[in-house]
Amino acid sequence: MGNKIKMIGIGDDGAAGLPSLYEGWIQESEVLVGGERHLAFFPQYAGEKIVIKGGLTDLAKQLQAESRRTVILASGDPLFYGIGGYLAGKVELDIYPAHSSVQLAFARMGESWHDALLTSVHGKSIKGLAQRIDGKAKIALLTDDKNNPSVIARYLLDFGMTEYKAFLAENLGGVDERTGWYELGELAEAEFSPLNVLILKRVGTSPSWPLGIADSEFAQRKPDKGLITKREIRVLSLAAMQLTETSTVWDIGTCTGSMAIEAARIARQGDVYAIEKNEGDLANCVENARKFRTDLTTRLGRAPVGLDTFADPDAVFIGGSGGELRELLHICCTRLKEGGRIVVNAATIETMGKAMSAFEDEGFKTDITLAQLSRSKPILDLTRFDALNPIFLITAWKQPETLTEEESSND
């Protein structure tokens, strides 16, 4: 079989589902690597068995030094959310996939899967799943013991995703195979085999919100309504932040959460962190996040305290600083990723001046837009305009490092 390591995909039917050629490779090998469940399919194996446990870093080093004939067993298609993706970058492999669990699940369901969103919460946090899947017609989810189908169903119900119905496929290809349809409420209360694939199918209409959600759609503090980044300012600020699908975003002084929510609907594969010092406002933010199906990381506190728990940002929005603007901007500038942007909304000339001074001290370039906007308002059979408060939109970014004369000549 040669000394090149072979990785063979295997289903829940074990050795019975393998071509005879693959079985021959396994029997001819001197080392068989796999999970306990996979190795148990070959009780008579004569060579050394290595059980995969925990991280793959040590295994990769061991395989790099291995000179014996070696076969690795992996579930289904090893390159589909499997160990093949990691090991193929570390070890020279020949990979022979079996049917993936998702392929089999859609086959049992009797529907196409080229048009489905394929994602996984296996070994990962469920955080952010809401915005990633919202509005998709079909979603296939790989689960685990922590993020099992019942947990996922309760999570979806918490975000109001009642337009989905679930198809669950358990122990695919095995003697205990079971498949069936469930309402989310049923799924939330049931127990299942740990070997499963969950498919969500949209059977109703998903709500849709365009960029620039109306201010009135957000729950706000009463009687002090108006503590919200107005829609027009919000859209301008989001454009200045230059978000991508994978951006990590900070919203400091989030209040109703309008900026964080709209950012999360753009950065669906990223992470959005929101901090607010007022408990009532933060409660409104959480309520709004559920309504608009955005799973934010929220924190009650007065920034910059608490920012150390956030991942480094690609973009920062500051709608309120509570007087600690210089210290806050120093931390934001220090933590900002390469190519990132900081956007500050300043309602006063004094705040703008402090922000500009701080950015200059940090060596950041800046751009300012003064937004003076008015909204039309009917008066009898006529129309007049109501002015919004003027806002300075300050956008800041790190200046690229300039090469010294010596460095330039070396290039």
Protein backbone atom coordinates (compact mmCIF):
# COMPACT_ATOMS: atom_id res chain seq x y z
CA MET A 1 0.00 0.00 0.00
CA GLY A 2 3.05 2.29 0.17
CA ASN A 3 4.14 4.41 3.11
CA LYS A 4 2.03 7.48 2.36
CA ILE A 5 -0.60 7.93 5.08
CA LYS A 6 -4.13 7.16 3.98
CA MET A 7 -7.18 8.80 5.54
CA ILE A 8 -10.36 6.79 5.01
CA GLY A 9 -13.85 8.09 5.64
CA ILE A 10 -16.11 5.63 7.43
CA GLY A 11 -19.82 5.63 8.24
CA ASP A 12 -21.81 4.36 11.19
CA ASP A 13 -22.11 1.01 9.41
CA GLY A 14 -18.40 0.47 10.04
CA ALA A 15 -16.30 -1.96 8.02
CA ALA A 16 -19.39 -3.28 6.24
CA GLY A 17 -19.72 0.01 4.37
CA LEU A 18 -16.12 0.08 3.11
CA PRO A 19 -14.96 -1.08 -0.33
CA SER A 20 -12.81 -4.21 -0.16
CA LEU A 21 -9.83 -2.18 -1.41
CA TYR A 22 -10.04 0.09 1.66
CA GLU A 23 -10.42 -2.88 3.98
CA GLY A 24 -7.28 -4.34 2.44
CA TRP A 25 -5.34 -1.14 3.12
CA ILE A 26 -6.46 -1.22 6.74
CA GLN A 27 -5.41 -4.85 7.22
CA GLU A 28 -2.04 -4.26 5.53
CA SER A 29 -1.27 -1.21 7.67
CA GLU A 30 0.91 -1.25 10.78
CA VAL A 31 -0.77 1.68 12.54
CA LEU A 32 -4.50 2.44 12.69
CA VAL A 33 -5.52 5.87 13.96
CA GLY A 34 -9.07 6.93 14.83
CA GLY A 35 -11.65 7.67 17.47
CA GLU A 36 -12.63 4.91 19.89
CA ARG A 37 -15.87 4.32 17.99
CA HIS A 38 -14.04 3.91 14.68
CA LEU A 39 -11.33 1.62 16.06
CA ALA A 40 -13.99 -0.59 17.64
CA PHE A 41 -15.12 -1.56 14.12
CA PHE A 42 -11.82 -3.51 13.76
CA PRO A 43 -11.43 -5.66 16.90
CA GLN A 44 -9.12 -8.16 15.16
CA TYR A 45 -6.68 -5.55 13.88
CA ALA A 46 -3.12 -6.84 14.41
CA GLY A 47 -1.16 -3.58 14.32
CA GLU A 48 -0.91 -0.68 16.76
CA LYS A 49 -4.04 1.36 17.42
CA ILE A 50 -3.79 5.06 18.26
CA VAL A 51 -6.89 6.66 19.75
CA ILE A 52 -7.56 10.28 18.82
CA LYS A 53 -8.27 12.22 21.98
CA GLY A 54 -8.37 15.97 22.50
CA GLY A 55 -6.35 18.31 20.29
CA LEU A 56 -4.72 17.33 17.01
CA THR A 57 -1.42 19.18 17.41
CA ASP A 58 0.39 16.30 19.12
CA LEU A 59 -1.14 13.78 16.72
CA ALA A 60 0.12 15.77 13.72
CA LYS A 61 3.66 15.77 15.15
CA GLN A 62 3.44 12.03 15.78
CA LEU A 63 2.25 11.38 12.23
CA GLN A 64 5.00 13.57 10.76
CA ALA A 65 7.57 11.31 12.41
CA GLU A 66 5.78 8.05 11.52
CA SER A 67 7.55 5.78 9.01
CA ARG A 68 5.25 2.77 9.29
CA ARG A 69 2.27 2.08 7.04
CA THR A 70 -0.50 4.15 8.60
CA VAL A 71 -4.26 4.52 8.06
CA ILE A 72 -6.41 7.18 9.72
CA LEU A 73 -10.15 6.59 10.12
CA ALA A 74 -12.45 9.62 10.10
CA SER A 75 -16.21 10.13 10.04
CA GLY A 76 -17.86 10.51 6.63
CA ASP A 77 -16.04 13.04 4.50
CA PRO A 78 -12.93 13.97 6.54
CA LEU A 79 -12.71 17.33 4.77
CA PHE A 80 -16.25 18.37 5.75
CA TYR A 81 -15.91 19.86 9.25
CA GLY A 82 -13.63 16.90 10.00
CA ILE A 83 -10.06 16.24 11.07
CA GLY A 84 -8.93 16.07 7.44
CA GLY A 85 -8.97 19.84 7.07
CA TYR A 86 -6.43 20.29 9.85
CA LEU A 87 -4.20 17.27 9.25
CA ALA A 88 -3.99 17.78 5.48
CA GLY A 89 -2.13 21.02 6.15
CA LYS A 90 0.35 19.28 8.45
CA VAL A 91 0.85 15.79 7.01
CA GLU A 92 1.03 14.42 3.47
CA LEU A 93 -2.17 12.40 3.04
CA ASP A 94 -4.20 10.48 0.50
CA ILE A 95 -7.85 11.07 1.43
CA TYR A 96 -10.69 8.70 0.56
CA PRO A 97 -14.03 10.16 1.69
CA ALA A 98 -17.23 8.31 2.47
CA HIS A 99 -20.63 9.96 2.18
CA SER A 100 -20.85 12.88 4.58
CA SER A 101 -23.52 12.80 7.26
CA VAL A 102 -25.13 15.85 5.64
CA GLN A 103 -25.39 14.07 2.27
CA LEU A 104 -27.08 11.11 3.92
CA ALA A 105 -29.41 13.32 5.96
CA PHE A 106 -30.65 15.20 2.89
CA ALA A 107 -31.06 11.89 1.06
CA ARG A 108 -33.28 10.60 3.88
CA MET A 109 -35.14 13.90 3.81
CA GLY A 110 -35.58 13.60 0.05
CA GLU A 111 -34.41 17.11 -0.80
CA SER A 112 -31.49 18.78 -2.58
CA TRP A 113 -28.65 20.15 -0.50
CA HIS A 114 -26.68 22.28 -2.97
CA ASP A 115 -28.94 25.20 -2.01
CA ALA A 116 -28.59 24.76 1.77
CA LEU A 117 -26.43 26.64 4.24
CA LEU A 118 -24.02 24.16 5.83
CA THR A 119 -22.66 25.08 9.23
CA SER A 120 -21.52 23.53 12.48
CA VAL A 121 -21.75 24.16 16.21
CA HIS A 122 -19.80 20.98 16.96
CA GLY A 123 -17.06 21.93 19.40
CA LYS A 124 -17.90 25.60 18.88
CA SER A 125 -19.91 28.27 20.62
CA ILE A 126 -23.50 28.71 19.51
CA LYS A 127 -22.97 32.47 19.84
CA GLY A 128 -23.92 34.36 16.70
CA LEU A 129 -25.86 31.49 15.12
CA ALA A 130 -29.05 33.58 14.93
CA GLN A 131 -27.74 36.14 12.44
CA ARG A 132 -25.83 33.52 10.46
CA ILE A 133 -28.91 31.45 9.64
CA ASP A 134 -31.70 34.04 9.73
CA GLY A 135 -33.77 34.00 6.55
CA LYS A 136 -32.04 30.99 4.97
CA ALA A 137 -34.38 28.49 3.32
CA LYS A 138 -32.49 25.36 4.40
CA ILE A 139 -29.78 24.94 7.02
CA ALA A 140 -27.81 21.81 7.90
CA LEU A 141 -26.25 21.85 11.37
CA LEU A 142 -23.65 19.53 12.82
CA THR A 143 -24.28 19.34 16.57
CA ASP A 144 -22.53 18.02 19.67
CA ASP A 145 -23.46 17.02 23.23
CA LYS A 146 -23.45 20.63 24.44
CA ASN A 147 -25.12 22.20 21.42
CA ASN A 148 -27.57 19.36 20.87
CA PRO A 149 -30.84 19.58 18.88
CA SER A 150 -32.89 20.44 21.98
CA VAL A 151 -30.55 23.29 22.93
CA ILE A 152 -30.59 24.60 19.37
CA ALA A 153 -34.40 24.45 19.23
CA ARG A 154 -34.70 26.48 22.45
CA TYR A 155 -32.15 28.95 21.10
CA LEU A 156 -34.15 29.43 17.89
CA LEU A 157 -37.39 29.90 19.81
CA ASP A 158 -35.68 32.52 21.97
CA PHE A 159 -35.01 34.52 18.80
CA GLY A 160 -38.54 33.99 17.48
CA MET A 161 -37.55 31.75 14.56
CA THR A 162 -40.85 29.88 14.55
CA GLU A 163 -41.03 29.72 10.73
CA TYR A 164 -38.62 26.78 10.76
CA LYS A 165 -39.39 23.08 11.03
CA ALA A 166 -36.70 20.55 11.93
CA PHE A 167 -35.67 17.28 10.30
CA LEU A 168 -33.41 15.18 12.51
CA ALA A 169 -31.33 12.24 11.30
CA GLU A 170 -29.76 10.02 13.98
CA ASN A 171 -27.18 7.21 13.68
CA LEU A 172 -27.16 7.43 9.90
CA GLY A 173 -26.18 4.14 8.28
CA GLY A 174 -26.23 2.29 11.59
CA VAL A 175 -28.62 -0.31 12.96
CA ASP A 176 -30.25 2.34 15.18
CA GLU A 177 -30.85 4.85 12.38
CA ARG A 178 -33.85 7.09 13.00
CA THR A 179 -35.15 10.12 11.11
CA GLY A 180 -38.15 12.38 11.54
CA TRP A 181 -39.74 15.81 11.39
CA TYR A 182 -40.27 17.96 14.49
CA GLU A 183 -41.81 21.28 15.41
CA LEU A 184 -39.25 23.37 17.30
CA GLY A 185 -41.33 23.12 20.47
CA GLU A 186 -41.25 19.31 20.25
CA LEU A 187 -37.54 19.28 19.51
CA ALA A 188 -36.84 21.48 22.53
CA GLU A 189 -38.23 18.84 24.92
CA ALA A 190 -36.93 15.64 23.29
CA GLU A 191 -33.77 13.54 23.71
CA PHE A 192 -31.70 12.17 20.88
CA SER A 193 -28.64 10.12 19.99
CA PRO A 194 -25.41 12.15 20.12
CA LEU A 195 -24.74 11.08 16.51
CA ASN A 196 -27.12 13.30 14.59
CA VAL A 197 -27.52 15.89 11.87
CA LEU A 198 -30.11 18.64 12.24
CA ILE A 199 -31.71 20.22 9.18
CA LEU A 200 -33.89 23.31 9.47
CA LYS A 201 -36.37 24.04 6.71
CA ARG A 202 -38.22 27.32 6.43
CA VAL A 203 -41.93 26.62 6.09
CA GLY A 204 -43.13 30.17 6.81
CA THR A 205 -42.04 33.69 5.93
CA SER A 206 -39.02 35.15 7.67
CA PRO A 207 -39.19 38.83 8.67
CA SER A 208 -36.96 41.11 6.66
CA TRP A 209 -35.38 44.40 7.68
CA PRO A 210 -33.43 46.61 5.26
CA LEU A 211 -30.33 48.57 6.15
CA GLY A 212 -31.43 51.60 8.13
CA ILE A 213 -34.15 50.15 10.35
CA ALA A 214 -36.73 52.76 11.38
CA ASP A 215 -36.07 54.29 14.81
CA SER A 216 -39.62 53.45 15.91
CA GLU A 217 -38.91 49.71 15.51
CA PHE A 218 -36.53 49.74 18.48
CA ALA A 219 -37.59 49.49 22.11
CA GLN A 220 -36.35 52.69 23.77
CA ARG A 221 -36.18 54.18 27.23
CA LYS A 222 -39.36 55.96 28.36
CA PRO A 223 -40.17 58.79 28.92
CA ASP A 224 -36.75 59.80 27.48
CA LYS A 225 -37.32 58.47 23.97
CA GLY A 226 -34.72 59.55 21.49
CA LEU A 227 -31.60 58.00 23.08
CA ILE A 228 -30.84 56.19 19.85
CA THR A 229 -28.44 56.70 16.96
CA LYS A 230 -30.88 58.07 14.39
CA ARG A 231 -31.38 56.01 11.25
CA GLU A 232 -29.65 58.45 8.90
CA ILE A 233 -26.64 58.85 11.22
CA ARG A 234 -26.57 55.10 11.75
CA VAL A 235 -26.28 54.39 8.02
CA LEU A 236 -23.53 56.99 7.57
CA SER A 237 -21.63 55.58 10.56
CA LEU A 238 -21.93 51.99 9.32
CA ALA A 239 -20.58 53.06 5.93
CA ALA A 240 -17.63 54.77 7.62
CA MET A 241 -16.85 51.61 9.62
CA GLN A 242 -16.40 49.62 6.36
CA LEU A 243 -17.63 46.35 7.83
CA THR A 244 -17.20 42.98 6.16
CA GLU A 245 -19.06 39.73 6.73
CA THR A 246 -16.43 38.58 9.23
CA SER A 247 -15.76 41.82 11.12
CA THR A 248 -15.37 41.93 14.89
CA VAL A 249 -17.18 45.05 16.10
CA TRP A 250 -17.34 47.03 19.34
CA ASP A 251 -20.33 49.29 20.08
CA ILE A 252 -19.46 51.47 23.07
CA GLY A 253 -22.40 53.20 24.75
CA THR A 254 -24.84 51.02 22.82
CA CYS A 255 -28.05 52.27 24.50
CA THR A 256 -30.86 50.69 22.41
CA GLY A 257 -28.35 48.56 20.51
CA SER A 258 -29.34 49.97 17.12
CA MET A 259 -25.75 50.26 15.86
CA ALA A 260 -24.69 46.87 17.22
CA ILE A 261 -27.76 45.20 15.70
CA GLU A 262 -27.30 46.70 12.25
CA ALA A 263 -23.58 45.86 12.41
CA ALA A 264 -24.37 42.24 13.30
CA ARG A 265 -26.70 41.98 10.32
CA ILE A 266 -23.76 42.95 8.10
CA ALA A 267 -21.00 41.04 9.92
CA ARG A 268 -23.01 37.80 10.09
CA GLN A 269 -19.92 35.62 10.36
CA GLY A 270 -18.18 37.96 12.78
CA ASP A 271 -18.69 38.97 16.40
CA VAL A 272 -20.38 42.06 17.80
CA TYR A 273 -19.77 43.30 21.35
CA ALA A 274 -21.93 45.98 22.97
CA ILE A 275 -21.36 47.74 26.30
CA GLU A 276 -23.75 50.10 28.11
CA LYS A 277 -23.61 51.67 31.58
CA ASN A 278 -27.39 52.10 32.02
CA GLU A 279 -29.13 48.88 33.07
CA GLY A 280 -32.50 49.86 31.58
CA ASP A 281 -30.95 50.77 28.24
CA LEU A 282 -29.03 47.49 28.15
CA ALA A 283 -32.29 45.60 28.78
CA ASN A 284 -33.76 47.39 25.75
CA CYS A 285 -30.68 46.43 23.73
CA VAL A 286 -31.14 42.75 24.62
CA GLU A 287 -34.85 42.91 23.75
CA ASN A 288 -34.10 44.57 20.42
CA ALA A 289 -31.36 42.06 19.62
CA ARG A 290 -33.84 39.20 20.03
CA LYS A 291 -36.42 40.95 17.87
CA PHE A 292 -33.93 41.52 15.05
CA ARG A 293 -32.34 38.06 15.45
CA THR A 294 -28.85 39.22 16.30
CA ASP A 295 -26.94 37.33 18.98
CA LEU A 296 -24.72 40.01 20.50
CA THR A 297 -22.26 39.79 23.36
CA THR A 298 -23.58 42.45 25.77
CA ARG A 299 -22.02 43.82 28.92
CA LEU A 300 -23.30 46.18 31.60
CA GLY A 301 -20.52 48.59 32.48
CA ARG A 302 -18.84 51.92 31.97
CA ALA A 303 -16.17 51.65 29.28
CA PRO A 304 -13.22 51.33 29.19
CA VAL A 305 -13.81 48.93 32.10
CA GLY A 306 -14.84 45.59 30.61
CA LEU A 307 -13.27 46.01 27.18
CA ASP A 308 -10.53 43.55 28.14
CA THR A 309 -13.12 40.76 27.80
CA PHE A 310 -13.81 41.64 24.15
CA ALA A 311 -11.88 40.22 21.17
CA ASP A 312 -9.69 42.72 19.29
CA PRO A 313 -11.91 44.75 16.92
CA ASP A 314 -11.89 45.44 13.20
CA ALA A 315 -14.25 48.34 13.82
CA VAL A 316 -15.27 50.42 16.83
CA PHE A 317 -18.30 52.68 17.17
CA ILE A 318 -18.46 55.15 20.05
CA GLY A 319 -21.83 56.76 20.58
CA GLY A 320 -21.19 57.78 24.18
CA SER A 321 -18.11 57.85 26.40
CA GLY A 322 -19.26 59.13 29.79
CA GLY A 323 -16.31 61.51 30.06
CA GLU A 324 -13.45 59.01 29.69
CA LEU A 325 -12.93 59.70 25.98
CA ARG A 326 -9.13 60.05 25.89
CA GLU A 327 -8.47 56.87 27.88
CA LEU A 328 -11.14 55.06 25.89
CA LEU A 329 -9.67 56.08 22.54
CA HIS A 330 -6.18 55.07 23.66
CA ILE A 331 -7.42 51.54 24.40
CA CYS A 332 -9.41 51.37 21.15
CA CYS A 333 -6.44 52.57 19.09
CA THR A 334 -4.14 50.08 20.80
CA ARG A 335 -6.49 47.12 20.33
CA LEU A 336 -7.69 47.95 16.80
CA LYS A 337 -6.65 45.39 14.18
CA GLU A 338 -4.57 46.37 11.17
CA GLY A 339 -6.77 48.14 8.62
CA GLY A 340 -9.53 48.75 11.16
CA ARG A 341 -11.59 51.89 11.75
CA ILE A 342 -12.93 53.82 14.72
CA VAL A 343 -16.03 55.97 14.28
CA VAL A 344 -17.01 58.51 16.94
CA ASN A 345 -20.34 60.36 16.94
CA ALA A 346 -19.87 63.71 18.66
CA ALA A 347 -22.80 66.01 19.40
CA THR A 348 -20.65 68.92 20.62
CA ILE A 349 -17.64 70.85 19.36
CA GLU A 350 -15.84 70.12 22.63
CA THR A 351 -16.20 66.34 22.24
CA MET A 352 -15.03 66.59 18.63
CA GLY A 353 -11.98 68.56 19.75
CA LYS A 354 -11.08 66.02 22.43
CA ALA A 355 -11.44 63.14 19.96
CA MET A 356 -9.29 64.86 17.32
CA SER A 357 -6.58 65.63 19.88
CA ALA A 358 -6.57 62.04 21.14
CA PHE A 359 -6.35 60.58 17.62
CA GLU A 360 -3.48 62.93 16.77
CA ASP A 361 -1.60 61.75 19.86
CA GLU A 362 -2.16 58.14 18.80
CA GLY A 363 -0.82 58.81 15.30
CA PHE A 364 -4.15 58.09 13.62
CA LYS A 365 -5.45 59.78 10.47
CA THR A 366 -8.96 61.25 10.66
CA ASP A 367 -11.85 62.37 8.53
CA ILE A 368 -14.82 64.41 9.78
CA THR A 369 -18.32 64.66 8.35
CA LEU A 370 -20.78 67.14 9.84
CA ALA A 371 -24.26 65.67 9.38
CA GLN A 372 -26.99 68.33 9.51
CA LEU A 373 -30.19 66.54 8.62
CA SER A 374 -33.88 67.41 8.62
CA ARG A 375 -36.92 65.19 8.30
CA SER A 376 -40.12 66.22 6.55
CA LYS A 377 -43.18 66.67 8.74
CA PRO A 378 -46.77 67.37 7.61
CA ILE A 379 -48.52 70.44 8.95
CA LEU A 380 -52.17 70.57 7.85
CA ASP A 381 -51.94 70.19 4.06
CA LEU A 382 -48.38 71.51 3.95
CA THR A 383 -44.93 70.08 4.65
CA ARG A 384 -42.20 71.48 6.84
CA PHE A 385 -38.87 70.12 8.08
CA ASP A 386 -37.80 69.20 11.60
CA ALA A 387 -34.04 69.41 12.11
CA LEU A 388 -32.14 66.61 13.84
CA ASN A 389 -29.29 67.52 16.15
CA PRO A 390 -26.09 68.11 14.16
CA ILE A 391 -23.60 65.26 14.60
CA PHE A 392 -19.87 65.19 13.89
CA LEU A 393 -18.93 61.79 12.42
CA ILE A 394 -15.24 61.33 13.14
CA THR A 395 -13.59 58.41 11.34
CA ALA A 396 -10.08 57.40 12.38
CA TRP A 397 -7.64 54.80 11.12
CA LYS A 398 -4.02 53.91 11.74
CA GLN A 399 -1.53 55.56 9.42
CA PRO A 400 0.52 53.03 7.46
CA GLU A 401 4.08 52.80 8.71
CA THR A 402 6.50 54.66 6.47
CA LEU A 403 9.71 52.95 5.47
CA THR A 404 13.00 54.50 6.46
CA GLU A 405 15.38 55.54 3.68
CA GLU A 406 17.56 52.50 4.44
CA GLU A 407 14.55 50.12 4.33
CA SER A 408 13.39 51.62 1.03
CA SER A 409 16.80 51.14 -0.58
CA ASN A 410 16.91 47.52 0.58
CA ASP A 411 13.62 46.88 -1.24
